[in-house]
Amino acid sequence: MKIYFGGSITAGRGDAGLYGQMINELKKYGVVLTEHLGNMAISSQGEVSKTPEFIYTRDRDWLKEADIVVAEVTTPSLGVGMELGWAQSMGKPIVCFYRPTEGKVLSRMLTGNPDVKIYNYTDIDSFSQILKEYFGEK
């Protein structure tokens, strides 16, 4: 299985370490095409050695190749929103993970979308447990 993992880059890298842990868990279920999102060296400036056009084309191609899209959506991101919209238009299964935070509300465009499965989680252990239930024990 090929997994496209989405998470914030230019909207904030506060969860980069968590993304790395999530990617490691997802790798139990398939190949994560966007493994670089867990790279702590990538700042909120993004992949500065690559052009925006390269990143757009590469990520769009990865979305086409993916069997499923998994996104961490706690930090709102325009890029992740675009990826989810593309994934939906391509008929890909979409699974989002959100850590409820006081004073924040998840976008109604996600919570109201019947094509998006959303799971609330608190930490990497609860994320791992949800994956086991979703994909089957690994």
N, C-alpha and C. Protein backbone atom coordinates (compact mmCIF):
# COMPACT_ATOMS: atom_id res chain seq x y z
N MET A 1 0.84 -1.18 0.00
CA MET A 1 0.00 0.00 0.00
C MET A 1 0.89 1.24 0.00
N LYS A 2 0.50 2.23 -0.78
CA LYS A 2 1.22 3.51 -0.83
C LYS A 2 0.39 4.56 -0.09
N ILE A 3 1.05 5.20 0.88
CA ILE A 3 0.39 6.15 1.77
C ILE A 3 0.94 7.54 1.53
N TYR A 4 0.06 8.49 1.28
CA TYR A 4 0.43 9.90 1.20
C TYR A 4 0.11 10.50 2.55
N PHE A 5 1.13 10.97 3.27
CA PHE A 5 0.94 11.61 4.56
C PHE A 5 1.03 13.11 4.38
N GLY A 6 0.02 13.82 4.87
CA GLY A 6 0.01 15.27 4.80
C GLY A 6 0.10 15.90 6.17
N GLY A 7 0.85 16.98 6.26
CA GLY A 7 0.99 17.72 7.50
C GLY A 7 1.57 19.09 7.20
N SER A 8 1.43 20.00 8.11
CA SER A 8 1.85 21.38 7.92
C SER A 8 3.36 21.52 7.75
N ILE A 9 3.74 22.35 6.81
CA ILE A 9 5.15 22.76 6.68
C ILE A 9 5.21 24.27 6.85
N THR A 10 4.78 25.02 5.86
CA THR A 10 4.93 26.47 5.94
C THR A 10 3.95 27.12 6.92
N ALA A 11 2.90 26.42 7.32
CA ALA A 11 1.97 26.97 8.32
C ALA A 11 2.49 26.76 9.74
N GLY A 12 3.59 25.99 9.88
CA GLY A 12 4.19 25.76 11.18
C GLY A 12 4.74 24.36 11.31
N ARG A 13 5.95 24.26 11.87
CA ARG A 13 6.62 22.97 11.99
C ARG A 13 6.67 22.48 13.44
N GLY A 14 5.79 23.00 14.27
CA GLY A 14 5.79 22.61 15.68
C GLY A 14 5.56 21.13 15.90
N ASP A 15 4.94 20.45 14.96
CA ASP A 15 4.65 19.02 15.11
C ASP A 15 5.57 18.14 14.28
N ALA A 16 6.68 18.68 13.78
CA ALA A 16 7.58 17.91 12.91
C ALA A 16 8.04 16.62 13.57
N GLY A 17 8.39 16.67 14.85
CA GLY A 17 8.81 15.46 15.55
C GLY A 17 7.70 14.43 15.63
N LEU A 18 6.49 14.91 15.89
CA LEU A 18 5.32 14.03 15.92
C LEU A 18 5.07 13.43 14.55
N TYR A 19 5.21 14.24 13.49
CA TYR A 19 5.05 13.72 12.13
C TYR A 19 6.00 12.55 11.89
N GLY A 20 7.23 12.70 12.35
CA GLY A 20 8.21 11.61 12.19
C GLY A 20 7.74 10.34 12.86
N GLN A 21 7.19 10.46 14.07
CA GLN A 21 6.68 9.30 14.78
C GLN A 21 5.48 8.70 14.06
N MET A 22 4.60 9.56 13.56
CA MET A 22 3.42 9.09 12.84
C MET A 22 3.83 8.35 11.57
N ILE A 23 4.80 8.90 10.86
CA ILE A 23 5.28 8.26 9.64
C ILE A 23 5.86 6.89 9.95
N ASN A 24 6.62 6.79 11.03
CA ASN A 24 7.16 5.48 11.43
C ASN A 24 6.06 4.47 11.70
N GLU A 25 4.98 4.91 12.32
CA GLU A 25 3.85 4.02 12.56
C GLU A 25 3.16 3.64 11.25
N LEU A 26 2.98 4.61 10.35
CA LEU A 26 2.34 4.34 9.07
C LEU A 26 3.14 3.36 8.22
N LYS A 27 4.46 3.37 8.38
CA LYS A 27 5.32 2.48 7.60
C LYS A 27 5.07 1.00 7.92
N LYS A 28 4.39 0.73 9.00
CA LYS A 28 4.00 -0.65 9.33
C LYS A 28 2.93 -1.15 8.37
N TYR A 29 2.25 -0.22 7.70
CA TYR A 29 1.11 -0.57 6.85
C TYR A 29 1.38 -0.34 5.36
N GLY A 30 2.50 0.26 5.04
CA GLY A 30 2.82 0.48 3.64
C GLY A 30 3.98 1.44 3.47
N VAL A 31 4.19 1.85 2.25
CA VAL A 31 5.26 2.80 1.90
C VAL A 31 4.70 4.21 2.05
N VAL A 32 5.38 5.05 2.82
CA VAL A 32 4.96 6.43 2.99
C VAL A 32 5.70 7.27 1.95
N LEU A 33 4.96 7.78 0.98
CA LEU A 33 5.55 8.53 -0.12
C LEU A 33 6.13 9.87 0.32
N THR A 34 5.58 10.44 1.37
CA THR A 34 5.97 11.77 1.84
C THR A 34 6.75 11.69 3.15
N GLU A 35 7.65 10.75 3.22
CA GLU A 35 8.42 10.51 4.44
C GLU A 35 9.21 11.74 4.89
N HIS A 36 9.55 12.61 3.96
CA HIS A 36 10.34 13.80 4.27
C HIS A 36 9.63 14.75 5.24
N LEU A 37 8.32 14.65 5.38
CA LEU A 37 7.59 15.54 6.29
C LEU A 37 8.03 15.39 7.74
N GLY A 38 8.59 14.25 8.08
CA GLY A 38 9.08 14.03 9.43
C GLY A 38 10.51 14.48 9.64
N ASN A 39 11.13 15.02 8.60
CA ASN A 39 12.52 15.47 8.68
C ASN A 39 12.60 16.76 9.49
N MET A 40 13.26 16.71 10.62
CA MET A 40 13.35 17.88 11.51
C MET A 40 14.15 19.01 10.88
N ALA A 41 14.93 18.74 9.85
CA ALA A 41 15.74 19.77 9.20
C ALA A 41 14.90 20.68 8.31
N ILE A 42 13.70 20.24 7.95
CA ILE A 42 12.83 21.09 7.13
C ILE A 42 12.17 22.11 8.04
N SER A 43 12.40 23.37 7.75
CA SER A 43 11.84 24.45 8.56
C SER A 43 10.51 24.90 7.98
N SER A 44 9.93 25.93 8.57
CA SER A 44 8.68 26.46 8.04
C SER A 44 8.90 27.17 6.71
N GLN A 45 10.15 27.27 6.29
CA GLN A 45 10.46 27.80 4.95
C GLN A 45 10.30 26.71 3.90
N GLY A 46 10.11 25.48 4.33
CA GLY A 46 9.89 24.37 3.41
C GLY A 46 11.19 23.82 2.83
N GLU A 47 11.06 23.13 1.74
CA GLU A 47 12.21 22.53 1.07
C GLU A 47 12.84 23.60 0.17
N VAL A 48 13.71 24.39 0.74
CA VAL A 48 14.24 25.57 0.05
C VAL A 48 15.13 25.20 -1.15
N SER A 49 15.63 23.99 -1.20
CA SER A 49 16.48 23.59 -2.32
C SER A 49 15.67 23.19 -3.56
N LYS A 50 14.35 23.16 -3.41
CA LYS A 50 13.48 22.77 -4.53
C LYS A 50 12.56 23.93 -4.89
N THR A 51 12.23 24.03 -6.16
CA THR A 51 11.34 25.11 -6.59
C THR A 51 9.89 24.79 -6.22
N PRO A 52 9.07 25.82 -6.06
CA PRO A 52 7.66 25.57 -5.80
C PRO A 52 7.02 24.72 -6.90
N GLU A 53 7.42 24.92 -8.14
CA GLU A 53 6.85 24.16 -9.25
C GLU A 53 7.21 22.67 -9.13
N PHE A 54 8.45 22.40 -8.73
CA PHE A 54 8.88 21.02 -8.54
C PHE A 54 8.05 20.35 -7.45
N ILE A 55 7.89 21.04 -6.32
CA ILE A 55 7.15 20.48 -5.19
C ILE A 55 5.69 20.25 -5.58
N TYR A 56 5.08 21.20 -6.25
CA TYR A 56 3.69 21.06 -6.69
C TYR A 56 3.52 19.82 -7.56
N THR A 57 4.37 19.67 -8.56
CA THR A 57 4.27 18.53 -9.48
C THR A 57 4.57 17.22 -8.78
N ARG A 58 5.62 17.19 -7.98
CA ARG A 58 5.99 15.97 -7.26
C ARG A 58 4.86 15.52 -6.34
N ASP A 59 4.34 16.45 -5.55
CA ASP A 59 3.31 16.09 -4.58
C ASP A 59 2.01 15.68 -5.28
N ARG A 60 1.69 16.33 -6.36
CA ARG A 60 0.50 15.95 -7.13
C ARG A 60 0.67 14.54 -7.71
N ASP A 61 1.87 14.23 -8.21
CA ASP A 61 2.15 12.89 -8.72
C ASP A 61 2.07 11.84 -7.61
N TRP A 62 2.60 12.18 -6.43
CA TRP A 62 2.51 11.26 -5.31
C TRP A 62 1.06 11.00 -4.92
N LEU A 63 0.24 12.05 -4.94
CA LEU A 63 -1.18 11.87 -4.64
C LEU A 63 -1.84 10.92 -5.63
N LYS A 64 -1.50 11.05 -6.89
CA LYS A 64 -2.05 10.16 -7.91
C LYS A 64 -1.63 8.71 -7.65
N GLU A 65 -0.41 8.53 -7.19
CA GLU A 65 0.15 7.20 -6.95
C GLU A 65 -0.38 6.55 -5.67
N ALA A 66 -0.78 7.36 -4.71
CA ALA A 66 -1.17 6.87 -3.39
C ALA A 66 -2.46 6.05 -3.43
N ASP A 67 -2.52 5.07 -2.52
CA ASP A 67 -3.73 4.29 -2.32
C ASP A 67 -4.63 4.92 -1.27
N ILE A 68 -4.03 5.73 -0.38
CA ILE A 68 -4.77 6.37 0.71
C ILE A 68 -4.04 7.64 1.11
N VAL A 69 -4.79 8.61 1.61
CA VAL A 69 -4.21 9.84 2.12
C VAL A 69 -4.51 9.91 3.61
N VAL A 70 -3.45 10.09 4.40
CA VAL A 70 -3.56 10.26 5.84
C VAL A 70 -2.99 11.63 6.15
N ALA A 71 -3.73 12.45 6.89
CA ALA A 71 -3.25 13.80 7.19
C ALA A 71 -3.41 14.12 8.67
N GLU A 72 -2.42 14.82 9.20
CA GLU A 72 -2.50 15.38 10.53
C GLU A 72 -2.98 16.81 10.33
N VAL A 73 -4.14 17.16 10.86
CA VAL A 73 -4.79 18.44 10.53
C VAL A 73 -4.94 19.38 11.72
N THR A 74 -4.20 19.14 12.80
CA THR A 74 -4.31 20.01 13.97
C THR A 74 -3.86 21.42 13.64
N THR A 75 -2.75 21.57 12.92
CA THR A 75 -2.27 22.87 12.48
C THR A 75 -2.86 23.15 11.10
N PRO A 76 -3.74 24.14 10.99
CA PRO A 76 -4.36 24.43 9.69
C PRO A 76 -3.30 24.75 8.64
N SER A 77 -3.48 24.22 7.43
CA SER A 77 -2.51 24.40 6.36
C SER A 77 -3.24 24.48 5.02
N LEU A 78 -2.97 25.55 4.28
CA LEU A 78 -3.57 25.68 2.95
C LEU A 78 -3.13 24.53 2.05
N GLY A 79 -1.86 24.16 2.13
CA GLY A 79 -1.35 23.07 1.30
C GLY A 79 -2.03 21.75 1.59
N VAL A 80 -2.19 21.43 2.86
CA VAL A 80 -2.87 20.18 3.22
C VAL A 80 -4.33 20.24 2.76
N GLY A 81 -4.95 21.40 2.88
CA GLY A 81 -6.32 21.54 2.39
C GLY A 81 -6.42 21.25 0.90
N MET A 82 -5.46 21.77 0.13
CA MET A 82 -5.44 21.49 -1.31
C MET A 82 -5.24 20.00 -1.57
N GLU A 83 -4.31 19.40 -0.84
CA GLU A 83 -4.05 17.96 -1.01
C GLU A 83 -5.30 17.14 -0.74
N LEU A 84 -6.02 17.50 0.31
CA LEU A 84 -7.23 16.75 0.64
C LEU A 84 -8.30 16.92 -0.44
N GLY A 85 -8.42 18.13 -0.97
CA GLY A 85 -9.36 18.36 -2.06
C GLY A 85 -9.00 17.56 -3.31
N TRP A 86 -7.72 17.54 -3.65
CA TRP A 86 -7.27 16.74 -4.79
C TRP A 86 -7.56 15.27 -4.55
N ALA A 87 -7.21 14.80 -3.34
CA ALA A 87 -7.41 13.38 -3.02
C ALA A 87 -8.89 13.01 -3.16
N GLN A 88 -9.77 13.88 -2.68
CA GLN A 88 -11.20 13.60 -2.80
C GLN A 88 -11.60 13.55 -4.27
N SER A 89 -11.11 14.48 -5.07
CA SER A 89 -11.47 14.49 -6.50
C SER A 89 -10.93 13.26 -7.22
N MET A 90 -9.87 12.66 -6.68
CA MET A 90 -9.29 11.45 -7.26
C MET A 90 -9.93 10.17 -6.71
N GLY A 91 -10.86 10.33 -5.77
CA GLY A 91 -11.54 9.18 -5.19
C GLY A 91 -10.70 8.40 -4.19
N LYS A 92 -9.69 9.04 -3.60
CA LYS A 92 -8.82 8.38 -2.63
C LYS A 92 -9.49 8.34 -1.26
N PRO A 93 -9.29 7.27 -0.51
CA PRO A 93 -9.73 7.28 0.89
C PRO A 93 -8.93 8.34 1.65
N ILE A 94 -9.59 9.09 2.50
CA ILE A 94 -8.95 10.16 3.27
C ILE A 94 -9.20 9.94 4.75
N VAL A 95 -8.11 9.89 5.52
CA VAL A 95 -8.19 9.73 6.96
C VAL A 95 -7.42 10.87 7.60
N CYS A 96 -8.10 11.65 8.45
CA CYS A 96 -7.47 12.78 9.12
C CYS A 96 -7.38 12.53 10.62
N PHE A 97 -6.31 13.05 11.19
CA PHE A 97 -6.08 12.95 12.63
C PHE A 97 -5.98 14.35 13.21
N TYR A 98 -6.70 14.55 14.31
CA TYR A 98 -6.80 15.87 14.93
C TYR A 98 -6.66 15.73 16.44
N ARG A 99 -5.81 16.59 17.03
CA ARG A 99 -5.68 16.66 18.49
C ARG A 99 -6.54 17.83 18.98
N PRO A 100 -7.67 17.54 19.60
CA PRO A 100 -8.51 18.63 20.10
C PRO A 100 -7.70 19.55 21.03
N THR A 101 -7.84 20.85 20.77
CA THR A 101 -7.08 21.85 21.51
C THR A 101 -8.03 22.94 21.94
N GLU A 102 -7.91 23.36 23.21
CA GLU A 102 -8.79 24.41 23.72
C GLU A 102 -8.64 25.67 22.86
N GLY A 103 -9.77 26.22 22.49
CA GLY A 103 -9.78 27.45 21.70
C GLY A 103 -9.67 27.23 20.20
N LYS A 104 -9.51 25.98 19.76
CA LYS A 104 -9.42 25.69 18.33
C LYS A 104 -10.58 24.79 17.92
N VAL A 105 -11.04 24.98 16.69
CA VAL A 105 -12.10 24.15 16.14
C VAL A 105 -11.65 23.69 14.77
N LEU A 106 -11.84 22.43 14.48
CA LEU A 106 -11.48 21.88 13.19
C LEU A 106 -12.43 22.41 12.12
N SER A 107 -11.89 22.70 10.95
CA SER A 107 -12.67 23.27 9.85
C SER A 107 -13.92 22.45 9.57
N ARG A 108 -15.01 23.16 9.38
CA ARG A 108 -16.29 22.52 9.04
C ARG A 108 -16.23 21.89 7.65
N MET A 109 -15.30 22.35 6.81
CA MET A 109 -15.12 21.74 5.49
C MET A 109 -14.62 20.31 5.63
N LEU A 110 -13.94 20.00 6.73
CA LEU A 110 -13.53 18.62 6.99
C LEU A 110 -14.60 17.87 7.76
N THR A 111 -15.06 18.46 8.86
CA THR A 111 -16.01 17.74 9.71
C THR A 111 -17.34 17.49 9.02
N GLY A 112 -17.68 18.33 8.06
CA GLY A 112 -18.94 18.14 7.34
C GLY A 112 -18.83 17.30 6.09
N ASN A 113 -17.62 16.89 5.75
CA ASN A 113 -17.39 16.15 4.50
C ASN A 113 -17.56 14.64 4.73
N PRO A 114 -18.55 14.03 4.11
CA PRO A 114 -18.78 12.60 4.33
C PRO A 114 -17.68 11.70 3.75
N ASP A 115 -16.82 12.25 2.90
CA ASP A 115 -15.74 11.46 2.31
C ASP A 115 -14.46 11.48 3.14
N VAL A 116 -14.48 12.20 4.26
CA VAL A 116 -13.30 12.31 5.11
C VAL A 116 -13.58 11.64 6.45
N LYS A 117 -12.74 10.68 6.80
CA LYS A 117 -12.83 10.02 8.11
C LYS A 117 -11.91 10.76 9.06
N ILE A 118 -12.45 11.25 10.18
CA ILE A 118 -11.66 12.02 11.14
C ILE A 118 -11.59 11.29 12.47
N TYR A 119 -10.36 11.21 12.99
CA TYR A 119 -10.14 10.61 14.30
C TYR A 119 -9.49 11.64 15.21
N ASN A 120 -10.04 11.80 16.39
CA ASN A 120 -9.38 12.59 17.42
C ASN A 120 -8.38 11.69 18.13
N TYR A 121 -7.22 12.23 18.43
CA TYR A 121 -6.19 11.47 19.15
C TYR A 121 -5.48 12.41 20.10
N THR A 122 -4.74 11.85 21.04
CA THR A 122 -4.05 12.68 22.03
C THR A 122 -2.54 12.60 21.93
N ASP A 123 -2.03 11.45 21.50
CA ASP A 123 -0.58 11.25 21.45
C ASP A 123 -0.27 10.12 20.48
N ILE A 124 1.01 9.79 20.35
CA ILE A 124 1.40 8.77 19.37
C ILE A 124 0.81 7.41 19.72
N ASP A 125 0.62 7.13 21.00
CA ASP A 125 0.04 5.83 21.37
C ASP A 125 -1.41 5.72 20.91
N SER A 126 -2.19 6.78 21.09
CA SER A 126 -3.58 6.72 20.64
C SER A 126 -3.64 6.71 19.11
N PHE A 127 -2.72 7.41 18.45
CA PHE A 127 -2.62 7.36 16.99
C PHE A 127 -2.36 5.93 16.53
N SER A 128 -1.39 5.27 17.17
CA SER A 128 -1.04 3.89 16.81
C SER A 128 -2.21 2.95 16.99
N GLN A 129 -2.96 3.14 18.06
CA GLN A 129 -4.11 2.28 18.33
C GLN A 129 -5.19 2.47 17.25
N ILE A 130 -5.42 3.70 16.85
CA ILE A 130 -6.40 3.97 15.80
C ILE A 130 -5.97 3.31 14.50
N LEU A 131 -4.67 3.40 14.17
CA LEU A 131 -4.18 2.75 12.96
C LEU A 131 -4.41 1.25 13.01
N LYS A 132 -4.16 0.63 14.15
CA LYS A 132 -4.37 -0.82 14.30
C LYS A 132 -5.83 -1.17 14.02
N GLU A 133 -6.74 -0.36 14.53
CA GLU A 133 -8.16 -0.61 14.31
C GLU A 133 -8.55 -0.35 12.86
N TYR A 134 -7.97 0.67 12.25
CA TYR A 134 -8.33 1.02 10.88
C TYR A 134 -7.76 0.03 9.86
N PHE A 135 -6.46 -0.25 9.97
CA PHE A 135 -5.78 -1.11 9.00
C PHE A 135 -5.75 -2.58 9.39
N GLY A 136 -5.94 -2.87 10.65
CA GLY A 136 -5.79 -4.22 11.14
C GLY A 136 -4.50 -4.32 11.93
N GLU A 137 -4.46 -5.24 12.85
CA GLU A 137 -3.32 -5.41 13.75
C GLU A 137 -2.02 -5.62 13.01
N LYS A 138 -0.98 -4.87 13.38
CA LYS A 138 0.38 -5.06 12.84
C LYS A 138 1.38 -4.97 13.94
